[in-house]
Protein backbone atom coordinates (compact mmCIF):
# COMPACT_ATOMS: atom_id res chain seq x y z
CA MET A 1 -0.20 0.09 -0.14
CA SER A 2 1.18 3.60 -0.57
CA ALA A 3 1.67 6.12 2.28
CA GLU A 4 -1.65 7.79 1.03
CA ASP A 5 -3.38 4.27 0.66
CA ILE A 6 -1.93 3.61 4.49
CA SER A 7 -3.18 7.07 5.86
CA SER A 8 -6.71 6.60 4.21
CA ARG A 9 -7.23 3.01 5.66
CA ALA A 10 -5.88 4.00 9.08
CA ARG A 11 -8.40 6.80 9.30
CA GLU A 12 -11.10 4.21 8.26
CA ILE A 13 -10.06 1.60 11.19
CA HIS A 14 -9.53 4.28 13.74
CA PHE A 15 -12.93 6.05 13.35
CA SER A 16 -14.60 3.09 13.06
CA SER A 17 -13.09 1.55 16.03
CA LEU A 18 -13.88 1.95 19.77
CA VAL A 19 -10.78 3.99 20.98
CA PHE A 20 -10.55 3.35 24.72
CA ASP A 21 -7.85 5.25 27.09
CA ALA A 22 -7.39 3.58 30.03
CA HIS A 23 -5.89 6.37 32.19
CA ALA A 24 -5.72 10.44 32.06
CA ASP A 25 -5.26 12.71 34.84
CA THR A 26 -7.63 15.35 33.64
CA ALA A 27 -9.61 15.12 37.04
CA GLN A 28 -6.76 17.35 38.55
CA ARG A 29 -7.93 20.22 36.29
CA LEU A 30 -11.66 19.69 36.48
CA PHE A 31 -11.41 20.24 40.56
CA PHE A 32 -8.52 22.50 40.77
CA ASP A 33 -9.07 24.80 37.57
CA LYS A 34 -12.54 24.26 37.24
CA PHE A 35 -11.93 23.76 33.79
CA ASP A 36 -14.83 23.02 31.10
CA LEU A 37 -14.27 20.05 29.11
CA ALA A 38 -16.40 21.68 26.20
CA GLU A 39 -13.45 24.34 25.72
CA ARG A 40 -10.36 23.37 23.28
CA ASP A 41 -7.90 24.49 25.51
CA ARG A 42 -4.15 25.80 24.66
CA GLU A 43 -3.04 23.79 27.59
CA GLY A 44 -3.53 20.43 28.71
CA SER A 45 -4.02 17.59 26.48
CA VAL A 46 -7.80 16.28 26.93
CA ASP A 47 -11.08 18.12 25.88
CA ILE A 48 -14.24 17.42 24.28
CA PRO A 49 -13.07 18.85 21.04
CA ARG A 50 -9.93 17.08 21.09
CA LEU A 51 -11.16 13.91 22.09
CA ARG A 52 -13.81 13.99 19.23
CA GLN A 53 -11.06 14.88 16.75
CA GLY A 54 -8.62 11.94 18.15
CA GLY A 55 -12.15 9.51 17.84
CA VAL A 56 -11.78 8.65 21.30
CA GLY A 57 -14.66 6.75 22.35
CA ALA A 58 -14.28 6.03 25.88
CA ILE A 59 -11.43 7.04 28.76
CA PHE A 60 -11.09 6.71 32.37
CA PHE A 61 -10.36 9.38 34.73
CA ALA A 62 -7.89 8.69 37.27
CA LEU A 63 -8.81 9.81 40.70
CA TRP A 64 -5.36 10.66 41.98
CA VAL A 65 -4.25 11.39 45.36
CA PRO A 66 -0.90 12.55 46.13
CA VAL A 67 0.85 9.95 48.44
CA GLU A 68 1.46 13.05 51.00
CA ILE A 69 -2.28 13.13 51.48
CA THR A 70 -3.32 10.46 53.96
CA GLY A 71 -6.35 9.10 56.13
CA ALA A 72 -9.66 10.63 55.58
CA ALA A 73 -8.09 13.35 53.58
CA ALA A 74 -7.01 11.03 50.79
CA ALA A 75 -10.67 9.57 50.58
CA GLN A 76 -12.17 13.09 50.50
CA ARG A 77 -9.72 14.13 47.80
CA ALA A 78 -10.66 11.52 45.66
CA ALA A 79 -14.44 12.14 46.47
CA ASP A 80 -14.03 15.76 45.46
CA LEU A 81 -12.14 14.77 42.18
CA LEU A 82 -15.13 12.29 41.22
CA ALA A 83 -17.63 15.14 41.85
CA ALA A 84 -15.69 17.42 39.84
CA VAL A 85 -15.95 14.58 36.82
CA LEU A 86 -19.82 13.87 37.62
CA LYS A 87 -20.43 17.78 37.08
CA GLN A 88 -18.59 18.01 33.67
CA ILE A 89 -20.64 14.90 32.60
CA GLU A 90 -23.81 16.34 33.82
CA THR A 91 -22.97 19.78 32.08
CA HIS A 92 -22.32 18.03 28.78
CA ARG A 93 -24.97 15.47 28.45
CA ARG A 94 -24.93 15.58 24.59
CA ASP A 95 -21.06 14.63 24.37
CA LEU A 96 -20.31 12.59 27.98
CA ALA A 97 -21.89 9.70 29.73
CA LEU A 98 -20.72 8.19 32.70
CA ALA A 99 -20.06 4.36 32.22
CA THR A 100 -19.59 1.88 34.94
CA SER A 101 -19.74 -1.05 32.72
CA ALA A 102 -18.67 -2.54 29.28
CA GLY A 103 -22.73 -2.53 28.31
CA GLU A 104 -22.52 1.05 29.29
CA VAL A 105 -19.47 1.77 27.03
CA GLN A 106 -21.12 0.36 24.01
CA ALA A 107 -24.60 2.16 24.65
CA ALA A 108 -22.62 5.54 24.92
CA ARG A 109 -20.97 4.72 21.76
CA ALA A 110 -24.00 3.92 20.07
CA GLN A 111 -25.23 7.35 21.23
CA ASN A 112 -22.29 8.83 19.78
CA LYS A 113 -21.19 9.70 22.94
CA ILE A 114 -17.93 9.68 25.09
CA ALA A 115 -18.01 7.11 27.94
CA VAL A 116 -15.90 8.61 30.76
CA LEU A 117 -15.33 6.18 33.52
CA LEU A 118 -13.49 6.82 36.89
CA GLY A 119 -10.43 4.67 38.09
CA ILE A 120 -9.00 5.79 41.75
CA GLU A 121 -4.94 6.25 41.28
CA GLY A 122 -3.76 5.35 44.91
CA GLY A 123 -5.02 2.62 47.03
CA HIS A 124 -4.24 4.80 50.08
CA ALA A 125 -7.77 6.71 48.88
CA ILE A 126 -9.52 4.34 50.54
CA ASN A 127 -8.24 4.98 53.90
CA ASN A 128 -7.37 1.25 54.63
CA ASP A 129 -11.48 0.54 54.82
CA LEU A 130 -13.30 -1.80 52.55
CA ALA A 131 -16.17 -0.06 53.20
CA VAL A 132 -14.80 3.42 51.77
CA LEU A 133 -13.69 1.40 48.60
CA ARG A 134 -17.34 0.02 47.97
CA GLN A 135 -18.60 3.51 48.76
CA PHE A 136 -16.73 4.38 45.73
CA HIS A 137 -17.61 1.70 43.38
CA ALA A 138 -20.93 2.67 44.45
CA HIS A 139 -20.33 6.07 43.08
CA GLY A 140 -18.81 4.54 39.57
CA VAL A 141 -15.49 3.91 40.35
CA ARG A 142 -14.54 0.72 38.23
CA TYR A 143 -10.40 0.38 38.51
CA MET A 144 -8.38 0.98 41.30
CA THR A 145 -4.22 1.28 41.25
CA LEU A 146 -2.86 -0.15 44.18
CA THR A 147 -0.43 2.19 45.16
CA HIS A 148 1.23 5.51 43.88
CA ASN A 149 4.63 6.74 44.07
CA ALA A 150 4.68 5.20 47.90
CA ALA A 151 3.70 2.14 49.39
CA THR A 152 -0.14 1.87 51.36
CA GLU A 153 -0.22 0.29 54.86
CA TRP A 154 -1.06 -2.65 52.64
CA ALA A 155 0.87 -2.99 49.41
CA ASP A 156 4.27 -2.07 48.17
CA SER A 157 4.87 0.49 45.59
CA SER A 158 7.63 0.12 42.32
CA ASN A 159 9.03 3.70 43.52
CA ASP A 160 9.46 2.89 47.22
CA GLU A 161 11.58 0.85 49.23
CA PRO A 162 9.52 -2.49 49.90
CA ARG A 163 7.61 -2.55 53.23
CA HIS A 164 5.30 -5.68 53.09
CA GLN A 165 7.35 -7.64 50.56
CA GLY A 166 4.38 -7.36 48.47
CA LEU A 167 0.68 -7.80 49.68
CA THR A 168 -0.39 -7.87 53.30
CA ASP A 169 -3.28 -9.74 54.44
CA PHE A 170 -5.49 -6.93 54.41
CA GLY A 171 -4.07 -6.07 50.44
CA LYS A 172 -5.28 -9.67 49.76
CA GLN A 173 -8.63 -8.85 51.10
CA VAL A 174 -8.75 -5.86 49.06
CA ILE A 175 -8.07 -7.82 45.69
CA ARG A 176 -10.84 -10.14 46.88
CA GLU A 177 -13.25 -7.50 47.62
CA MET A 178 -12.55 -5.53 44.20
CA ASN A 179 -13.31 -8.99 42.35
CA ARG A 180 -16.51 -9.14 44.23
CA LEU A 181 -17.72 -5.80 43.07
CA GLY A 182 -16.29 -6.30 39.36
CA MET A 183 -13.52 -3.38 39.87
CA LEU A 184 -10.25 -4.26 37.98
CA VAL A 185 -7.14 -4.51 39.84
CA ASP A 186 -4.28 -1.98 38.12
CA VAL A 187 -1.05 -2.85 38.79
CA SER A 188 0.79 0.15 37.85
CA HIS A 189 2.85 1.72 40.12
CA VAL A 190 3.51 -1.22 42.38
CA SER A 191 6.35 -3.37 43.26
CA ASP A 192 7.31 -6.81 41.54
CA ARG A 193 6.65 -8.87 44.34
CA THR A 194 3.02 -6.82 44.90
CA PHE A 195 2.43 -7.75 41.32
CA TYR A 196 3.04 -11.62 41.36
CA ASP A 197 0.88 -11.41 44.74
CA VAL A 198 -1.98 -9.23 42.80
CA LEU A 199 -1.82 -12.24 40.30
CA GLU A 200 -1.92 -14.84 42.61
CA THR A 201 -5.09 -13.22 44.77
CA SER A 202 -7.07 -11.91 41.88
CA ARG A 203 -9.92 -14.37 40.63
CA ALA A 204 -10.55 -11.57 37.45
CA PRO A 205 -8.16 -10.23 34.92
CA VAL A 206 -5.62 -7.85 36.04
CA ILE A 207 -4.68 -4.52 34.09
CA ALA A 208 -2.01 -2.18 34.24
CA SER A 209 -3.52 0.92 33.38
CA HIS A 210 -0.37 3.03 32.32
CA SER A 211 2.83 0.97 31.36
CA CYS A 212 5.59 0.28 29.21
CA CYS A 213 8.06 -2.43 28.65
CA ARG A 214 10.76 -2.90 30.93
CA ALA A 215 12.91 -4.63 28.12
CA LEU A 216 12.93 -1.06 26.04
CA CYS A 217 13.20 1.19 29.00
CA ASP A 218 14.40 -0.21 32.36
CA SER A 219 12.28 1.68 34.86
CA PRO A 220 10.72 -0.17 37.56
CA ARG A 221 7.33 1.37 36.56
CA ASN A 222 7.29 -0.83 33.64
CA LEU A 223 6.46 -4.65 33.28
CA ASP A 224 9.19 -7.12 32.46
CA ASP A 225 8.66 -9.56 29.57
CA ALA A 226 7.90 -12.19 32.24
CA MET A 227 5.69 -10.07 34.03
CA ILE A 228 3.89 -8.95 30.50
CA LYS A 229 3.45 -13.08 29.73
CA GLN A 230 2.01 -13.60 33.44
CA LEU A 231 -0.96 -10.84 33.00
CA ALA A 232 -1.60 -12.07 29.33
CA ALA A 233 -1.96 -15.56 30.57
CA GLY A 234 -4.78 -14.45 33.04
CA GLY A 235 -6.91 -12.55 30.64
CA GLY A 236 -5.08 -9.15 31.66
CA VAL A 237 -3.95 -6.17 29.58
CA ILE A 238 -1.11 -3.87 29.71
CA HIS A 239 -1.80 -0.08 28.68
CA ILE A 240 1.29 1.18 27.20
CA THR A 241 1.52 4.83 28.59
CA PHE A 242 2.97 7.84 26.73
CA HIS A 243 5.18 9.39 29.31
CA VAL A 244 8.46 9.95 27.46
CA GLY A 245 10.61 8.70 30.82
CA PHE A 246 8.84 5.23 30.42
CA LEU A 247 9.02 5.13 26.63
CA SER A 248 12.62 5.98 26.28
CA GLN A 249 15.88 4.41 27.58
CA GLU A 250 17.68 7.31 25.95
CA TYR A 251 15.51 10.20 27.80
CA ALA A 252 15.54 8.12 31.28
CA THR A 253 19.13 7.72 31.28
CA ALA A 254 19.65 11.59 30.72
CA ASN A 255 16.79 12.60 33.25
CA ARG A 256 18.90 10.23 36.04
CA ALA A 257 22.02 11.90 35.14
CA MET A 258 20.67 15.71 35.76
CA ALA A 259 18.51 14.61 38.53
CA SER A 260 19.77 16.94 40.79
CA GLU A 261 18.88 19.65 38.48
CA VAL A 262 15.66 18.41 37.47
CA SER A 263 14.62 17.96 41.20
CA SER A 264 15.48 21.53 42.27
CA ALA A 265 13.53 22.70 39.41
CA GLU A 266 10.26 20.54 39.98
CA GLU A 267 10.46 21.65 43.60
CA ALA A 268 10.48 25.11 42.65
CA VAL A 269 7.33 24.58 40.53
CA SER A 270 5.61 22.60 43.07
CA GLY A 271 6.44 25.76 45.56
CA LYS A 272 4.99 28.19 42.93
CA HIS A 273 1.84 26.37 42.60
CA GLY A 274 1.00 25.35 46.06
CA GLU A 275 -1.39 22.95 46.32
CA ASN A 276 -2.70 23.55 43.06
CA GLU A 277 -1.74 19.99 41.68
CA ALA A 278 -3.22 20.99 38.04
CA GLN A 279 -1.37 23.84 37.74
CA SER A 280 1.94 22.13 38.87
CA LEU A 281 1.32 19.30 36.59
CA LEU A 282 1.15 21.48 33.88
CA ALA A 283 3.98 23.73 34.37
CA LEU A 284 6.46 20.14 35.00
CA GLN A 285 4.98 19.56 31.46
CA ARG A 286 6.47 22.98 30.30
CA LEU A 287 9.67 22.17 32.26
CA GLY A 288 10.52 18.99 30.64
CA GLU A 289 9.85 20.87 27.08
CA ALA A 290 11.97 23.35 28.10
CA PHE A 291 14.82 20.86 28.94
CA VAL A 292 14.52 19.46 25.48
CA ARG A 293 14.43 22.65 23.70
CA ALA A 294 17.75 23.37 25.49
CA GLY A 295 19.41 20.06 24.66
CA LYS A 296 19.46 18.92 27.82
CA LEU A 297 17.22 16.14 27.27
CA PRO A 298 16.36 14.27 24.31
CA GLN A 299 13.28 14.57 22.38
CA VAL A 300 11.24 11.68 22.15
CA SER A 301 9.14 10.50 19.55
CA TRP A 302 5.30 8.99 19.21
CA GLU A 303 6.80 6.07 17.25
CA LYS A 304 8.23 4.64 20.48
CA ILE A 305 4.72 4.34 21.77
CA VAL A 306 3.93 1.56 18.69
CA GLU A 307 7.62 0.38 19.48
CA HIS A 308 6.07 -0.61 23.40
CA ILE A 309 2.83 -1.90 21.75
CA ASP A 310 4.63 -4.15 19.01
CA HIS A 311 7.24 -5.48 22.05
CA ALA A 312 4.12 -6.49 24.22
CA VAL A 313 2.36 -8.11 21.01
CA SER A 314 5.44 -9.79 20.20
CA ILE A 315 5.67 -11.83 23.51
CA ALA A 316 2.42 -12.05 24.53
CA GLY A 317 0.02 -11.47 21.76
CA ALA A 318 -2.23 -8.70 20.30
CA ASP A 319 -5.20 -9.46 23.06
CA CYS A 320 -2.95 -8.45 25.96
CA VAL A 321 -2.49 -4.85 24.83
CA GLY A 322 -4.35 -1.46 25.15
CA ILE A 323 -3.29 2.07 25.63
CA GLY A 324 -3.43 4.46 28.62
CA SER A 325 -2.22 7.63 27.78
CA ASP A 326 -1.52 9.35 31.22
CA PHE A 327 -2.73 12.73 29.67
CA ASP A 328 -2.71 15.98 31.89
CA GLY A 329 0.01 14.06 34.12
CA ALA A 330 3.16 13.51 32.25
CA PHE A 331 5.49 14.41 29.60
CA MET A 332 4.15 13.71 26.37
CA PRO A 333 6.41 12.54 23.06
CA ALA A 334 6.20 14.51 20.22
CA GLY A 335 3.64 13.91 17.65
CA LEU A 336 0.84 12.51 20.48
CA GLU A 337 0.68 15.54 22.77
CA ASP A 338 -2.76 15.54 22.96
CA ALA A 339 -5.79 13.21 22.66
CA SER A 340 -6.50 14.81 19.18
CA LYS A 341 -3.22 13.01 17.71
CA PHE A 342 -4.72 9.49 18.53
CA PRO A 343 -5.25 8.52 15.01
CA ARG A 344 -1.10 8.35 14.35
CA LEU A 345 -1.21 5.19 16.55
CA THR A 346 -3.65 3.48 14.18
CA GLU A 347 -1.64 4.61 10.91
CA GLY A 348 1.83 3.15 12.85
CA LEU A 349 0.26 0.14 13.52
CA LEU A 350 -1.00 -0.17 10.13
CA GLN A 351 2.28 0.57 8.70
CA ARG A 352 3.85 -2.31 10.81
CA GLY A 353 1.47 -4.42 9.28
CA TYR A 354 -1.16 -5.19 11.93
CA ALA A 355 -4.17 -6.67 10.93
CA GLU A 356 -7.25 -4.58 11.25
CA ALA A 357 -8.71 -7.21 13.96
CA ASP A 358 -5.82 -6.89 15.73
CA ILE A 359 -5.28 -2.96 15.85
CA ARG A 360 -9.13 -3.10 16.88
CA LYS A 361 -8.27 -5.04 20.07
CA ILE A 362 -5.36 -2.84 20.68
CA LEU A 363 -7.21 0.52 20.28
CA GLY A 364 -9.87 -0.66 22.94
CA GLY A 365 -11.43 -4.13 22.42
CA ASN A 366 -9.15 -5.77 24.89
CA THR A 367 -10.13 -2.72 27.34
CA LEU A 368 -13.81 -3.48 26.84
CA ARG A 369 -12.88 -7.16 27.23
CA VAL A 370 -11.53 -7.22 30.56
CA MET A 371 -14.17 -5.03 31.94
CA ALA A 372 -16.94 -7.72 30.54
CA GLU A 373 -14.66 -10.34 32.21
CA ALA A 374 -14.31 -8.67 35.50
CA GLU A 375 -18.51 -8.04 35.28
CA ARG A 376 -18.74 -11.60 34.85
CA MET A 377 -16.44 -12.98 37.64
CA SER A 378 -18.33 -10.60 40.24
CA GLN A 379 -21.69 -12.09 39.17
CA LEU A 380 -19.89 -15.34 39.64
CA LEU A 381 -18.74 -14.73 43.01
CA HIS A 382 -22.04 -13.39 44.37
CA ALA A 383 -23.43 -16.66 42.92
CA GLU A 384 -21.34 -18.78 44.61
CA LYS A 385 -22.06 -17.02 47.95
CA PHE A 386 -25.75 -17.75 47.72
């Protein structure tokens, strides 16, 4: 096929597929800045116009709680973020629909609406209380990332010293309760030991909502080949994320080499914006762009995303791969800075010779399937109880 034919075919496939982004941090903007999703903003990566332009049919908004916020305050912050997302859905009913099941995602698509789903990022948001977990589920939350960049009181993080050697007994209770509720268990950010404890405990397929392949970029946040294979063996999905520090080994190495300068600059940014996490995240993205322009950090192209997708598919098959951008929460590669650019992924996969059926799975079919399987396991567990 000619380049023109590939581009035309890619657009046809893309806009007739369910494009499902498993992770975006836009909720921070909605809460702190009262950002209106109907506006096409010059900053940030996600809004209704750009979701439409990019053909996105479903997106998980992460209710991210910084690890410094703990206890009841962490649960309240997650609740505040949730309320901000629900307000936007209500305000823009013609474009958005809250989805709490695979069926509701499909129903929203049939109505030409964008399905908005909710996921907690950071298990400390449940304040060590299964009743709080159940409350979040009742309000629409359908996955939980077990840790963020620090261990919780029941699970170890990939970015922290091990405290529990994986999951504690209570952590395993959390997993079993999530299975019972039909919530997806998300292992992005967890330690390797926690990852294997989760797979051993969970009766439903597990996801990594925003992780890359460690074989291509050696970060503890990424999954190694054995982990990807184990995830796939249980029907799970790794959602390749767009953050340059997890995509590019060259970038990660350069970033570590200037860790002191980066840390000082990040502290200055955080101090300037105080508690406004949305503005801090946007400022950190501008900081990363400035380092690239100055030649201190290498520019990373969007094609790296396709390389990670290709690697995961090569070792575990097309049924185990999805996409989880981390828009509005991380530094994006050149060419995929916002949701409007999603069609490039489809073109990139088609150029690599991917079959149409596999492209549709990667774009969103696998994520929809794993949701449905978690729901079926929930029904089975309820039937076993009674």
